Amino acid sequence: MAQLFKGEAMRKLLDGIFAADGIMPCRPEEIKVFRYGFPRGTLIFDYAESAARLIVFSQQFGCWVGVSLAKLMDEVHGEIAAQKLAAETRRIDENEKAMHAEELKRYQRMQSITFGLYSFLKNPPKPAKILSVPRPRTVSNIWLAGPQHVLQGFKGLLDEEFLSLEVVEGNNILFPTFKLVSEIIDRQNAFAA
């Protein structure tokens, strides 16, 4: 297993998130990372999303952190649930819009048949009240491959010693290693040149 930091000392920032003090090739803010990946060619495709998910936490806290596997997977499952809710809401919205369009068409037809007198008998249909849940903006592969995609990425990163697994307070905490950060920074610098 890869050693996280030399002379590591961890302090708890939040439940499932621990800061690690030690030497790294750069600060978390220096890495160009999107929510679910890196710029093209920065890291092996299969591992990029998993590594990005972990590094984003470090950028949010402004220091290198380790995150519990449970917290990372809760985030993944939460995104899947939000996506399902958004898809269901879009389906309901589309049905509401179709029903409203049909009512409007029927109203307009009756208006034509009665030479405009129908409006004295009946008011035009009110627009349907449409619920909207914002569509998650994502390029995550969990929609295609499922949550196993992220778990396999973490396993691959552990096997390659790009991550360190520490058990803290009974939780499996994943930390980025010096090797991972230096690989990402080296590739970013190579593409920038």
C-alpha atoms as a PDB file:
ATOM      1  CA  MET A   1       0.000   0.000   0.000  1.00  0.00           C
ATOM      2  CA  ALA A   2       1.318   3.442  -0.869  1.00  0.00           C
ATOM      3  CA  GLN A   3       2.414   5.687   1.941  1.00  0.00           C
ATOM      4  CA  LEU A   4       0.224   8.776   2.059  1.00  0.00           C
ATOM      5  CA  PHE A   5       2.559  11.424   3.396  1.00  0.00           C
ATOM      6  CA  LYS A   6       5.798  11.270   5.271  1.00  0.00           C
ATOM      7  CA  GLY A   7       5.103  12.153   8.893  1.00  0.00           C
ATOM      8  CA  GLU A   8       1.381  12.131   8.291  1.00  0.00           C
ATOM      9  CA  ALA A   9      -0.953  13.649  10.821  1.00  0.00           C
ATOM     10  CA  MET A  10      -4.671  13.666  10.236  1.00  0.00           C
ATOM     11  CA  ARG A  11      -7.290  15.920  11.698  1.00  0.00           C
ATOM     12  CA  LYS A  12     -11.019  15.567  11.208  1.00  0.00           C
ATOM     13  CA  LEU A  13     -12.642  18.358   9.198  1.00  0.00           C
ATOM     14  CA  LEU A  14     -16.133  16.888   8.851  1.00  0.00           C
ATOM     15  CA  ASP A  15     -17.674  13.454   9.178  1.00  0.00           C
ATOM     16  CA  GLY A  16     -15.764  11.263   6.756  1.00  0.00           C
ATOM     17  CA  ILE A  17     -13.279  13.997   5.731  1.00  0.00           C
ATOM     18  CA  PHE A  18      -9.797  14.247   7.181  1.00  0.00           C
ATOM     19  CA  ALA A  19      -7.013  16.706   6.433  1.00  0.00           C
ATOM     20  CA  ALA A  20      -3.523  15.295   6.016  1.00  0.00           C
ATOM     21  CA  ASP A  21      -0.442  17.385   6.628  1.00  0.00           C
ATOM     22  CA  GLY A  22       2.575  16.491   4.565  1.00  0.00           C
ATOM     23  CA  ILE A  23       4.536  17.131   1.419  1.00  0.00           C
ATOM     24  CA  MET A  24       2.812  17.198  -1.957  1.00  0.00           C
ATOM     25  CA  PRO A  25       4.091  18.528  -5.289  1.00  0.00           C
ATOM     26  CA  CYS A  26       1.470  21.299  -5.374  1.00  0.00           C
ATOM     27  CA  ARG A  27      -1.572  22.768  -3.671  1.00  0.00           C
ATOM     28  CA  PRO A  28      -4.995  21.326  -4.593  1.00  0.00           C
ATOM     29  CA  GLU A  29      -6.001  24.584  -6.323  1.00  0.00           C
ATOM     30  CA  GLU A  30      -3.177  24.194  -8.865  1.00  0.00           C
ATOM     31  CA  ILE A  31      -4.782  21.107 -10.398  1.00  0.00           C
ATOM     32  CA  LYS A  32      -7.222  21.713 -13.215  1.00  0.00           C
ATOM     33  CA  VAL A  33     -10.137  19.458 -12.447  1.00  0.00           C
ATOM     34  CA  PHE A  34     -13.766  19.416 -13.455  1.00  0.00           C
ATOM     35  CA  ARG A  35     -16.466  17.891 -11.298  1.00  0.00           C
ATOM     36  CA  TYR A  36     -16.011  14.444 -12.849  1.00  0.00           C
ATOM     37  CA  GLY A  37     -12.766  14.552 -14.751  1.00  0.00           C
ATOM     38  CA  PHE A  38      -9.668  16.356 -15.904  1.00  0.00           C
ATOM     39  CA  PRO A  39      -8.745  18.092 -19.120  1.00  0.00           C
ATOM     40  CA  ARG A  40      -8.081  15.619 -21.931  1.00  0.00           C
ATOM     41  CA  GLY A  41      -5.056  13.415 -21.501  1.00  0.00           C
ATOM     42  CA  THR A  42      -4.439  14.259 -17.840  1.00  0.00           C
ATOM     43  CA  LEU A  43      -5.156  10.833 -16.389  1.00  0.00           C
ATOM     44  CA  ILE A  44      -6.148   7.359 -17.541  1.00  0.00           C
ATOM     45  CA  PHE A  45      -9.821   7.527 -18.570  1.00  0.00           C
ATOM     46  CA  ASP A  46     -11.032   4.693 -16.338  1.00  0.00           C
ATOM     47  CA  TYR A  47      -9.590   6.307 -13.229  1.00  0.00           C
ATOM     48  CA  ALA A  48     -10.151   9.977 -14.031  1.00  0.00           C
ATOM     49  CA  GLU A  49     -13.653  10.301 -12.631  1.00  0.00           C
ATOM     50  CA  SER A  50     -12.779   8.582  -9.360  1.00  0.00           C
ATOM     51  CA  ALA A  51      -9.620  10.654  -8.892  1.00  0.00           C
ATOM     52  CA  ALA A  52     -11.468  13.871  -9.790  1.00  0.00           C
ATOM     53  CA  ARG A  53     -14.218  13.160  -7.261  1.00  0.00           C
ATOM     54  CA  LEU A  54     -11.585  12.864  -4.533  1.00  0.00           C
ATOM     55  CA  ILE A  55      -9.487  15.870  -5.573  1.00  0.00           C
ATOM     56  CA  VAL A  56     -12.553  18.125  -5.764  1.00  0.00           C
ATOM     57  CA  PHE A  57     -12.951  17.672  -1.993  1.00  0.00           C
ATOM     58  CA  SER A  58      -9.353  18.812  -1.467  1.00  0.00           C
ATOM     59  CA  GLN A  59     -10.013  21.891  -3.571  1.00  0.00           C
ATOM     60  CA  GLN A  60     -13.163  22.687  -1.603  1.00  0.00           C
ATOM     61  CA  PHE A  61     -11.259  22.565   1.692  1.00  0.00           C
ATOM     62  CA  GLY A  62      -8.085  24.232   0.388  1.00  0.00           C
ATOM     63  CA  CYS A  63      -5.845  21.446   1.673  1.00  0.00           C
ATOM     64  CA  TRP A  64      -5.210  17.812   0.830  1.00  0.00           C
ATOM     65  CA  VAL A  65      -7.944  15.680   2.362  1.00  0.00           C
ATOM     66  CA  GLY A  66      -8.991  12.086   2.523  1.00  0.00           C
ATOM     67  CA  VAL A  67     -12.634  11.178   2.104  1.00  0.00           C
ATOM     68  CA  SER A  68     -14.421   8.110   3.379  1.00  0.00           C
ATOM     69  CA  LEU A  69     -15.483   5.638   0.749  1.00  0.00           C
ATOM     70  CA  ALA A  70     -18.983   5.701   2.250  1.00  0.00           C
ATOM     71  CA  LYS A  71     -19.225   9.493   1.796  1.00  0.00           C
ATOM     72  CA  LEU A  72     -17.996   9.258  -1.799  1.00  0.00           C
ATOM     73  CA  MET A  73     -20.497   6.521  -2.644  1.00  0.00           C
ATOM     74  CA  ASP A  74     -23.335   8.386  -0.870  1.00  0.00           C
ATOM     75  CA  GLU A  75     -22.571  11.289  -3.202  1.00  0.00           C
ATOM     76  CA  VAL A  76     -22.728   8.966  -6.233  1.00  0.00           C
ATOM     77  CA  HIS A  77     -26.026   7.416  -5.117  1.00  0.00           C
ATOM     78  CA  GLY A  78     -27.431  10.883  -4.400  1.00  0.00           C
ATOM     79  CA  GLU A  79     -26.580  11.972  -7.939  1.00  0.00           C
ATOM     80  CA  ILE A  80     -28.277   8.886  -9.356  1.00  0.00           C
ATOM     81  CA  ALA A  81     -31.399   9.594  -7.274  1.00  0.00           C
ATOM     82  CA  ALA A  82     -31.424  13.236  -8.422  1.00  0.00           C
ATOM     83  CA  GLN A  83     -31.093  12.122 -12.041  1.00  0.00           C
ATOM     84  CA  LYS A  84     -34.009   9.686 -11.659  1.00  0.00           C
ATOM     85  CA  LEU A  85     -36.149  12.380 -10.025  1.00  0.00           C
ATOM     86  CA  ALA A  86     -35.309  14.834 -12.802  1.00  0.00           C
ATOM     87  CA  ALA A  87     -36.161  12.236 -15.474  1.00  0.00           C
ATOM     88  CA  GLU A  88     -39.488  11.432 -13.789  1.00  0.00           C
ATOM     89  CA  THR A  89     -40.322  15.123 -13.435  1.00  0.00           C
ATOM     90  CA  ARG A  90     -39.460  15.746 -17.095  1.00  0.00           C
ATOM     91  CA  ARG A  91     -41.773  12.878 -18.063  1.00  0.00           C
ATOM     92  CA  ILE A  92     -44.607  14.353 -15.958  1.00  0.00           C
ATOM     93  CA  ASP A  93     -43.904  17.829 -17.392  1.00  0.00           C
ATOM     94  CA  GLU A  94     -44.103  16.451 -20.928  1.00  0.00           C
ATOM     95  CA  ASN A  95     -47.453  14.756 -20.175  1.00  0.00           C
ATOM     96  CA  GLU A  96     -48.824  17.978 -18.638  1.00  0.00           C
ATOM     97  CA  LYS A  97     -47.685  19.982 -21.660  1.00  0.00           C
ATOM     98  CA  ALA A  98     -49.244  17.473 -24.067  1.00  0.00           C
ATOM     99  CA  MET A  99     -52.568  17.542 -22.192  1.00  0.00           C
ATOM    100  CA  HIS A 100     -52.538  21.355 -22.159  1.00  0.00           C
ATOM    101  CA  ALA A 101     -51.773  21.476 -25.885  1.00  0.00           C
ATOM    102  CA  GLU A 102     -54.696  19.138 -26.556  1.00  0.00           C
ATOM    103  CA  GLU A 103     -57.061  21.298 -24.468  1.00  0.00           C
ATOM    104  CA  LEU A 104     -55.869  24.429 -26.251  1.00  0.00           C
ATOM    105  CA  LYS A 105     -56.369  22.803 -29.646  1.00  0.00           C
ATOM    106  CA  ARG A 106     -59.914  21.772 -28.688  1.00  0.00           C
ATOM    107  CA  TYR A 107     -60.660  25.317 -27.440  1.00  0.00           C
ATOM    108  CA  GLN A 108     -59.365  26.869 -30.666  1.00  0.00           C
ATOM    109  CA  ARG A 109     -61.411  24.426 -32.734  1.00  0.00           C
ATOM    110  CA  MET A 110     -64.565  25.343 -30.799  1.00  0.00           C
ATOM    111  CA  GLN A 111     -63.741  29.025 -31.246  1.00  0.00           C
ATOM    112  CA  SER A 112     -63.551  28.494 -35.015  1.00  0.00           C
ATOM    113  CA  ILE A 113     -66.793  26.513 -35.182  1.00  0.00           C
ATOM    114  CA  THR A 114     -68.742  29.088 -33.133  1.00  0.00           C
ATOM    115  CA  PHE A 115     -67.191  32.104 -34.921  1.00  0.00           C
ATOM    116  CA  GLY A 116     -65.567  33.301 -31.695  1.00  0.00           C
ATOM    117  CA  LEU A 117     -68.653  33.008 -29.494  1.00  0.00           C
ATOM    118  CA  TYR A 118     -67.235  30.008 -27.605  1.00  0.00           C
ATOM    119  CA  SER A 119     -65.093  32.351 -25.487  1.00  0.00           C
ATOM    120  CA  PHE A 120     -68.310  33.774 -23.999  1.00  0.00           C
ATOM    121  CA  LEU A 121     -69.261  30.298 -22.799  1.00  0.00           C
ATOM    122  CA  LYS A 122     -65.899  29.039 -21.663  1.00  0.00           C
ATOM    123  CA  ASN A 123     -62.594  30.656 -20.775  1.00  0.00           C
ATOM    124  CA  PRO A 124     -59.446  29.451 -22.509  1.00  0.00           C
ATOM    125  CA  PRO A 125     -57.606  26.658 -20.691  1.00  0.00           C
ATOM    126  CA  LYS A 126     -55.124  27.877 -18.136  1.00  0.00           C
ATOM    127  CA  PRO A 127     -51.542  26.817 -18.642  1.00  0.00           C
ATOM    128  CA  ALA A 128     -50.709  23.650 -16.787  1.00  0.00           C
ATOM    129  CA  LYS A 129     -48.796  24.140 -13.582  1.00  0.00           C
ATOM    130  CA  ILE A 130     -45.560  22.437 -14.419  1.00  0.00           C
ATOM    131  CA  LEU A 131     -43.166  21.292 -11.729  1.00  0.00           C
ATOM    132  CA  SER A 132     -39.561  21.681 -12.614  1.00  0.00           C
ATOM    133  CA  VAL A 133     -36.544  20.020 -11.127  1.00  0.00           C
ATOM    134  CA  PRO A 134     -33.337  21.335 -12.643  1.00  0.00           C
ATOM    135  CA  ARG A 135     -31.561  18.796 -14.792  1.00  0.00           C
ATOM    136  CA  PRO A 136     -28.252  17.781 -13.252  1.00  0.00           C
ATOM    137  CA  ARG A 137     -25.367  19.052 -15.354  1.00  0.00           C
ATOM    138  CA  THR A 138     -22.967  16.181 -15.545  1.00  0.00           C
ATOM    139  CA  VAL A 139     -20.564  14.304 -17.692  1.00  0.00           C
ATOM    140  CA  SER A 140     -20.286  11.461 -15.222  1.00  0.00           C
ATOM    141  CA  ASN A 141     -20.100   7.910 -16.505  1.00  0.00           C
ATOM    142  CA  ILE A 142     -22.306   6.629 -13.680  1.00  0.00           C
ATOM    143  CA  TRP A 143     -25.324   7.158 -15.974  1.00  0.00           C
ATOM    144  CA  LEU A 144     -23.887   4.618 -18.417  1.00  0.00           C
ATOM    145  CA  ALA A 145     -21.887   2.241 -16.238  1.00  0.00           C
ATOM    146  CA  GLY A 146     -23.544   2.626 -12.836  1.00  0.00           C
ATOM    147  CA  PRO A 147     -21.921   3.317  -9.471  1.00  0.00           C
ATOM    148  CA  GLN A 148     -19.577   0.333  -9.976  1.00  0.00           C
ATOM    149  CA  HIS A 149     -17.677   2.515 -12.453  1.00  0.00           C
ATOM    150  CA  VAL A 150     -16.513   4.790  -9.616  1.00  0.00           C
ATOM    151  CA  LEU A 151     -15.756   1.881  -7.273  1.00  0.00           C
ATOM    152  CA  GLN A 152     -13.668   0.157  -9.950  1.00  0.00           C
ATOM    153  CA  GLY A 153     -11.822   3.430 -10.493  1.00  0.00           C
ATOM    154  CA  PHE A 154     -10.959   3.639  -6.798  1.00  0.00           C
ATOM    155  CA  LYS A 155      -9.794   0.015  -6.834  1.00  0.00           C
ATOM    156  CA  GLY A 156      -7.619   0.665  -9.885  1.00  0.00           C
ATOM    157  CA  LEU A 157      -6.139   3.774  -8.289  1.00  0.00           C
ATOM    158  CA  LEU A 158      -5.374   1.799  -5.118  1.00  0.00           C
ATOM    159  CA  ASP A 159      -3.754  -1.005  -7.148  1.00  0.00           C
ATOM    160  CA  GLU A 160      -1.571   1.542  -8.973  1.00  0.00           C
ATOM    161  CA  GLU A 161      -0.739   3.224  -5.637  1.00  0.00           C
ATOM    162  CA  PHE A 162      -2.325   6.487  -6.763  1.00  0.00           C
ATOM    163  CA  LEU A 163      -4.491   6.384  -3.623  1.00  0.00           C
ATOM    164  CA  SER A 164      -3.808   5.361  -0.069  1.00  0.00           C
ATOM    165  CA  LEU A 165      -6.427   3.561   1.999  1.00  0.00           C
ATOM    166  CA  GLU A 166      -6.382   4.293   5.710  1.00  0.00           C
ATOM    167  CA  VAL A 167      -8.829   3.059   8.331  1.00  0.00           C
ATOM    168  CA  VAL A 168      -9.796   5.970  10.557  1.00  0.00           C
ATOM    169  CA  GLU A 169     -12.515   5.706  13.188  1.00  0.00           C
ATOM    170  CA  GLY A 170     -13.649   2.467  11.574  1.00  0.00           C
ATOM    171  CA  ASN A 171     -14.086   4.082   8.133  1.00  0.00           C
ATOM    172  CA  ASN A 172     -12.128   3.408   4.963  1.00  0.00           C
ATOM    173  CA  ILE A 173     -10.631   6.776   4.048  1.00  0.00           C
ATOM    174  CA  LEU A 174      -9.129   7.334   0.598  1.00  0.00           C
ATOM    175  CA  PHE A 175      -6.280   9.818   0.325  1.00  0.00           C
ATOM    176  CA  PRO A 176      -4.558  10.996  -2.856  1.00  0.00           C
ATOM    177  CA  THR A 177      -0.878  10.073  -2.879  1.00  0.00           C
ATOM    178  CA  PHE A 178       2.170  12.036  -3.927  1.00  0.00           C
ATOM    179  CA  LYS A 179       2.374   9.732  -6.966  1.00  0.00           C
ATOM    180  CA  LEU A 180      -1.150  10.654  -8.141  1.00  0.00           C
ATOM    181  CA  VAL A 181      -0.722  14.383  -7.676  1.00  0.00           C
ATOM    182  CA  SER A 182       2.681  14.466  -9.363  1.00  0.00           C
ATOM    183  CA  GLU A 183       1.323  12.396 -12.303  1.00  0.00           C
ATOM    184  CA  ILE A 184      -1.569  14.810 -12.789  1.00  0.00           C
ATOM    185  CA  ILE A 185       0.579  17.937 -12.455  1.00  0.00           C
ATOM    186  CA  ASP A 186       3.252  16.534 -14.829  1.00  0.00           C
ATOM    187  CA  ARG A 187       0.649  15.744 -17.490  1.00  0.00           C
ATOM    188  CA  GLN A 188      -1.036  19.126 -17.089  1.00  0.00           C
ATOM    189  CA  ASN A 189       2.298  20.885 -17.511  1.00  0.00           C
ATOM    190  CA  ALA A 190       3.134  18.758 -20.559  1.00  0.00           C
ATOM    191  CA  PHE A 191      -0.163  19.673 -22.245  1.00  0.00           C
ATOM    192  CA  ALA A 192       0.211  23.335 -21.308  1.00  0.00           C
ATOM    193  CA  ALA A 193       3.628  23.561 -22.964  1.00  0.00           C
END
